[in-house]
Amino acid sequence: MIYIASDHRGLELKKKILKSHPDYLDLGPRELDPEDDYNDFAVNLAVNIRDASNVTATADPADFGILICGSALGMVIQANRFKGVRAIMGLNPELAKIGREHNNANVLCLSADFTPEQDIEKIIDVFLTTKTKTDEKYARRNVKLDKYGENYGSN
């Protein structure tokens, strides 16, 4: 399953992505509300990813998420407060690839303001198709991501 959500600043980019990927599960918003908060959409998506409970230090996740806001920064911060959620900012294909290979990221955060629109499809494709490295050092580090975040996302 691939979930996608945005706030008001990411809504138009989300709509463009959904035209190419109608199979993605849209978690909102569906219409423009300039007063909405990115937090609400990031939490909803992160809970869906967390509840899938399919991310480990080395196994590639079965479910992915895509979050979009103006900068991508708030989405990254909010989503990463949930154990089992590994959100990265993918400003370019190289960062998306490293996030998957090294950190087993399962949520891609896109910046509607700073990511070149012509790169969006490539970034998403790289993120969804790159496999996580299983070397001991990456597994060890990824275990620590969950260990140090054990008390997050419980409320």
C-alpha atoms as a PDB file:
ATOM      1  CA  MET A   1       0.000   0.000   0.000  1.00  0.00           C
ATOM      2  CA  ILE A   2       1.187   3.495  -0.770  1.00  0.00           C
ATOM      3  CA  TYR A   3      -0.421   6.276   1.243  1.00  0.00           C
ATOM      4  CA  ILE A   4      -0.236   9.923   0.225  1.00  0.00           C
ATOM      5  CA  ALA A   5      -1.225  13.093   2.081  1.00  0.00           C
ATOM      6  CA  SER A   6      -0.439  16.793   2.017  1.00  0.00           C
ATOM      7  CA  ASP A   7      -1.356  20.052   3.589  1.00  0.00           C
ATOM      8  CA  HIS A   8      -2.758  23.029   1.675  1.00  0.00           C
ATOM      9  CA  ARG A   9       0.652  23.996   0.260  1.00  0.00           C
ATOM     10  CA  GLY A  10       1.206  20.495  -1.102  1.00  0.00           C
ATOM     11  CA  LEU A  11      -2.310  19.895  -2.398  1.00  0.00           C
ATOM     12  CA  GLU A  12      -1.697  20.755  -6.063  1.00  0.00           C
ATOM     13  CA  LEU A  13       1.445  18.600  -6.239  1.00  0.00           C
ATOM     14  CA  LYS A  14      -0.422  15.733  -4.572  1.00  0.00           C
ATOM     15  CA  LYS A  15      -3.191  16.016  -7.170  1.00  0.00           C
ATOM     16  CA  LYS A  16      -0.622  15.828  -9.976  1.00  0.00           C
ATOM     17  CA  ILE A  17       0.982  12.748  -8.434  1.00  0.00           C
ATOM     18  CA  LEU A  18      -2.405  11.062  -8.002  1.00  0.00           C
ATOM     19  CA  LYS A  19      -3.188  11.568 -11.698  1.00  0.00           C
ATOM     20  CA  SER A  20      -0.201   9.341 -12.497  1.00  0.00           C
ATOM     21  CA  HIS A  21      -0.793   7.019  -9.547  1.00  0.00           C
ATOM     22  CA  PRO A  22      -4.539   6.612  -8.920  1.00  0.00           C
ATOM     23  CA  ASP A  23      -3.795   3.466  -6.901  1.00  0.00           C
ATOM     24  CA  TYR A  24      -2.213   5.481  -4.070  1.00  0.00           C
ATOM     25  CA  LEU A  25      -4.503   5.830  -1.045  1.00  0.00           C
ATOM     26  CA  ASP A  26      -5.266   9.538  -0.599  1.00  0.00           C
ATOM     27  CA  LEU A  27      -5.409  10.503   3.087  1.00  0.00           C
ATOM     28  CA  GLY A  28      -6.302  14.105   2.376  1.00  0.00           C
ATOM     29  CA  PRO A  29      -6.952  16.848   2.009  1.00  0.00           C
ATOM     30  CA  ARG A  30      -9.270  16.696  -0.957  1.00  0.00           C
ATOM     31  CA  GLU A  31      -9.946  20.413  -1.162  1.00  0.00           C
ATOM     32  CA  LEU A  32      -8.025  23.555  -0.313  1.00  0.00           C
ATOM     33  CA  ASP A  33      -8.176  24.798   3.266  1.00  0.00           C
ATOM     34  CA  PRO A  34      -5.511  27.473   3.782  1.00  0.00           C
ATOM     35  CA  GLU A  35      -5.885  27.088   7.550  1.00  0.00           C
ATOM     36  CA  ASP A  36      -5.167  23.349   7.751  1.00  0.00           C
ATOM     37  CA  ASP A  37      -2.123  22.078   9.660  1.00  0.00           C
ATOM     38  CA  TYR A  38       0.453  19.734   8.156  1.00  0.00           C
ATOM     39  CA  ASN A  39       0.646  17.928  11.502  1.00  0.00           C
ATOM     40  CA  ASP A  40      -2.810  16.405  11.172  1.00  0.00           C
ATOM     41  CA  PHE A  41      -2.060  14.821   7.791  1.00  0.00           C
ATOM     42  CA  ALA A  42       1.405  13.646   8.825  1.00  0.00           C
ATOM     43  CA  VAL A  43      -0.007  11.992  11.954  1.00  0.00           C
ATOM     44  CA  ASN A  44      -2.761  10.234  10.008  1.00  0.00           C
ATOM     45  CA  LEU A  45      -0.289   8.827   7.487  1.00  0.00           C
ATOM     46  CA  ALA A  46       2.280   7.915  10.149  1.00  0.00           C
ATOM     47  CA  VAL A  47      -0.330   6.003  12.155  1.00  0.00           C
ATOM     48  CA  ASN A  48      -1.226   3.996   9.055  1.00  0.00           C
ATOM     49  CA  ILE A  49       2.448   3.189   8.436  1.00  0.00           C
ATOM     50  CA  ARG A  50       3.107   2.420  12.109  1.00  0.00           C
ATOM     51  CA  ASP A  51       0.076   0.155  12.380  1.00  0.00           C
ATOM     52  CA  ALA A  52       1.205  -1.832   9.354  1.00  0.00           C
ATOM     53  CA  SER A  53       4.153  -2.876  11.586  1.00  0.00           C
ATOM     54  CA  ASN A  54       6.177  -4.002   8.632  1.00  0.00           C
ATOM     55  CA  VAL A  55       9.449  -2.147   8.999  1.00  0.00           C
ATOM     56  CA  THR A  56      12.524  -3.722  10.536  1.00  0.00           C
ATOM     57  CA  ALA A  57      16.196  -2.866  10.455  1.00  0.00           C
ATOM     58  CA  THR A  58      16.827  -4.737   7.208  1.00  0.00           C
ATOM     59  CA  ALA A  59      13.544  -5.937   5.696  1.00  0.00           C
ATOM     60  CA  ASP A  60      12.089  -3.689   3.036  1.00  0.00           C
ATOM     61  CA  PRO A  61       8.669  -2.354   4.103  1.00  0.00           C
ATOM     62  CA  ALA A  62       5.506  -3.455   2.366  1.00  0.00           C
ATOM     63  CA  ASP A  63       3.803  -0.094   2.897  1.00  0.00           C
ATOM     64  CA  PHE A  64       5.099   3.346   2.021  1.00  0.00           C
ATOM     65  CA  GLY A  65       3.927   6.901   2.556  1.00  0.00           C
ATOM     66  CA  ILE A  66       4.369  10.165   0.692  1.00  0.00           C
ATOM     67  CA  LEU A  67       3.836  13.451   2.520  1.00  0.00           C
ATOM     68  CA  ILE A  68       3.878  16.863   0.859  1.00  0.00           C
ATOM     69  CA  CYS A  69       3.999  20.346   2.331  1.00  0.00           C
ATOM     70  CA  GLY A  70       5.733  23.587   1.394  1.00  0.00           C
ATOM     71  CA  SER A  71       9.155  22.773   2.812  1.00  0.00           C
ATOM     72  CA  ALA A  72       8.802  19.054   3.712  1.00  0.00           C
ATOM     73  CA  LEU A  73      10.472  19.856   7.030  1.00  0.00           C
ATOM     74  CA  GLY A  74       7.400  19.860   9.268  1.00  0.00           C
ATOM     75  CA  MET A  75       6.160  16.631   7.715  1.00  0.00           C
ATOM     76  CA  VAL A  76       9.515  14.926   8.350  1.00  0.00           C
ATOM     77  CA  ILE A  77       9.615  16.049  11.960  1.00  0.00           C
ATOM     78  CA  GLN A  78       6.018  15.083  12.724  1.00  0.00           C
ATOM     79  CA  ALA A  79       6.083  11.688  10.997  1.00  0.00           C
ATOM     80  CA  ASN A  80       9.330  10.656  12.664  1.00  0.00           C
ATOM     81  CA  ARG A  81       7.748  10.913  16.101  1.00  0.00           C
ATOM     82  CA  PHE A  82       6.199   7.482  15.536  1.00  0.00           C
ATOM     83  CA  LYS A  83       8.119   4.288  16.150  1.00  0.00           C
ATOM     84  CA  GLY A  84       8.484   2.322  12.951  1.00  0.00           C
ATOM     85  CA  VAL A  85       8.148   5.408  10.771  1.00  0.00           C
ATOM     86  CA  ARG A  86      11.300   6.488   8.984  1.00  0.00           C
ATOM     87  CA  ALA A  87      10.582   9.687   7.112  1.00  0.00           C
ATOM     88  CA  ILE A  88      13.105  11.432   4.908  1.00  0.00           C
ATOM     89  CA  MET A  89      13.091  14.579   2.816  1.00  0.00           C
ATOM     90  CA  GLY A  90      13.653  13.622  -0.809  1.00  0.00           C
ATOM     91  CA  LEU A  91      14.716  16.794  -2.568  1.00  0.00           C
ATOM     92  CA  ASN A  92      16.349  14.789  -5.334  1.00  0.00           C
ATOM     93  CA  PRO A  93      16.663  11.164  -6.474  1.00  0.00           C
ATOM     94  CA  GLU A  94      20.036  10.742  -4.779  1.00  0.00           C
ATOM     95  CA  LEU A  95      18.670  11.606  -1.332  1.00  0.00           C
ATOM     96  CA  ALA A  96      15.665   9.347  -1.880  1.00  0.00           C
ATOM     97  CA  LYS A  97      18.005   6.483  -2.787  1.00  0.00           C
ATOM     98  CA  ILE A  98      20.270   6.991   0.226  1.00  0.00           C
ATOM     99  CA  GLY A  99      17.276   7.234   2.544  1.00  0.00           C
ATOM    100  CA  ARG A 100      16.050   3.854   1.351  1.00  0.00           C
ATOM    101  CA  GLU A 101      19.450   2.149   1.162  1.00  0.00           C
ATOM    102  CA  HIS A 102      20.917   3.375   4.432  1.00  0.00           C
ATOM    103  CA  ASN A 103      17.916   4.126   6.658  1.00  0.00           C
ATOM    104  CA  ASN A 104      15.196   1.825   5.320  1.00  0.00           C
ATOM    105  CA  ALA A 105      12.944   4.887   5.051  1.00  0.00           C
ATOM    106  CA  ASN A 106       9.270   4.164   4.510  1.00  0.00           C
ATOM    107  CA  VAL A 107       7.931   7.727   4.216  1.00  0.00           C
ATOM    108  CA  LEU A 108       9.068  10.155   1.539  1.00  0.00           C
ATOM    109  CA  CYS A 109       8.483  13.838   2.297  1.00  0.00           C
ATOM    110  CA  LEU A 110       8.399  16.180  -0.671  1.00  0.00           C
ATOM    111  CA  SER A 111       8.693  19.937  -0.751  1.00  0.00           C
ATOM    112  CA  ALA A 112       6.107  21.598  -2.962  1.00  0.00           C
ATOM    113  CA  ASP A 113       8.202  24.789  -2.871  1.00  0.00           C
ATOM    114  CA  PHE A 114      11.750  23.490  -3.375  1.00  0.00           C
ATOM    115  CA  THR A 115      11.639  20.169  -5.230  1.00  0.00           C
ATOM    116  CA  PRO A 116      11.901  20.638  -8.993  1.00  0.00           C
ATOM    117  CA  GLU A 117       8.606  19.386 -10.413  1.00  0.00           C
ATOM    118  CA  GLN A 118      10.365  17.625 -13.290  1.00  0.00           C
ATOM    119  CA  ASP A 119      12.179  15.442 -10.715  1.00  0.00           C
ATOM    120  CA  ILE A 120       9.127  14.347  -8.709  1.00  0.00           C
ATOM    121  CA  GLU A 121       8.344  11.131 -10.620  1.00  0.00           C
ATOM    122  CA  LYS A 122      12.001  10.075 -10.617  1.00  0.00           C
ATOM    123  CA  ILE A 123      12.280  10.743  -6.866  1.00  0.00           C
ATOM    124  CA  ILE A 124       9.171   8.676  -6.143  1.00  0.00           C
ATOM    125  CA  ASP A 125      10.297   5.848  -8.429  1.00  0.00           C
ATOM    126  CA  VAL A 126      13.763   5.696  -6.870  1.00  0.00           C
ATOM    127  CA  PHE A 127      12.277   5.771  -3.378  1.00  0.00           C
ATOM    128  CA  LEU A 128       9.801   2.963  -4.056  1.00  0.00           C
ATOM    129  CA  THR A 129      12.186   0.678  -5.956  1.00  0.00           C
ATOM    130  CA  THR A 130      15.453   1.021  -4.038  1.00  0.00           C
ATOM    131  CA  LYS A 131      16.237  -1.865  -1.713  1.00  0.00           C
ATOM    132  CA  THR A 132      17.620  -1.426   1.789  1.00  0.00           C
ATOM    133  CA  LYS A 133      21.236  -2.391   2.313  1.00  0.00           C
ATOM    134  CA  THR A 134      21.562  -5.321   4.691  1.00  0.00           C
ATOM    135  CA  ASP A 135      25.172  -4.707   5.743  1.00  0.00           C
ATOM    136  CA  GLU A 136      25.671  -5.058   9.491  1.00  0.00           C
ATOM    137  CA  LYS A 137      26.448  -1.361  10.001  1.00  0.00           C
ATOM    138  CA  TYR A 138      23.154  -0.232   8.426  1.00  0.00           C
ATOM    139  CA  ALA A 139      21.136  -2.830  10.319  1.00  0.00           C
ATOM    140  CA  ARG A 140      22.785  -1.801  13.588  1.00  0.00           C
ATOM    141  CA  ARG A 141      22.049   1.864  13.001  1.00  0.00           C
ATOM    142  CA  ASN A 142      18.462   1.213  11.942  1.00  0.00           C
ATOM    143  CA  VAL A 143      17.815  -0.847  15.074  1.00  0.00           C
ATOM    144  CA  LYS A 144      18.911   2.199  17.065  1.00  0.00           C
ATOM    145  CA  LEU A 145      16.372   4.380  15.235  1.00  0.00           C
ATOM    146  CA  ASP A 146      13.583   2.338  16.792  1.00  0.00           C
ATOM    147  CA  LYS A 147      15.333   1.736  20.103  1.00  0.00           C
ATOM    148  CA  TYR A 148      15.754   5.439  20.807  1.00  0.00           C
ATOM    149  CA  GLY A 149      12.192   6.191  19.697  1.00  0.00           C
ATOM    150  CA  GLU A 150      10.438   3.526  21.764  1.00  0.00           C
ATOM    151  CA  ASN A 151       8.209   5.912  23.689  1.00  0.00           C
ATOM    152  CA  TYR A 152       7.075   7.939  20.675  1.00  0.00           C
ATOM    153  CA  GLY A 153       3.816   7.573  18.850  1.00  0.00           C
ATOM    154  CA  SER A 154       1.943   5.934  21.699  1.00  0.00           C
ATOM    155  CA  ASN A 155      -0.657   8.702  21.969  1.00  0.00           C
END
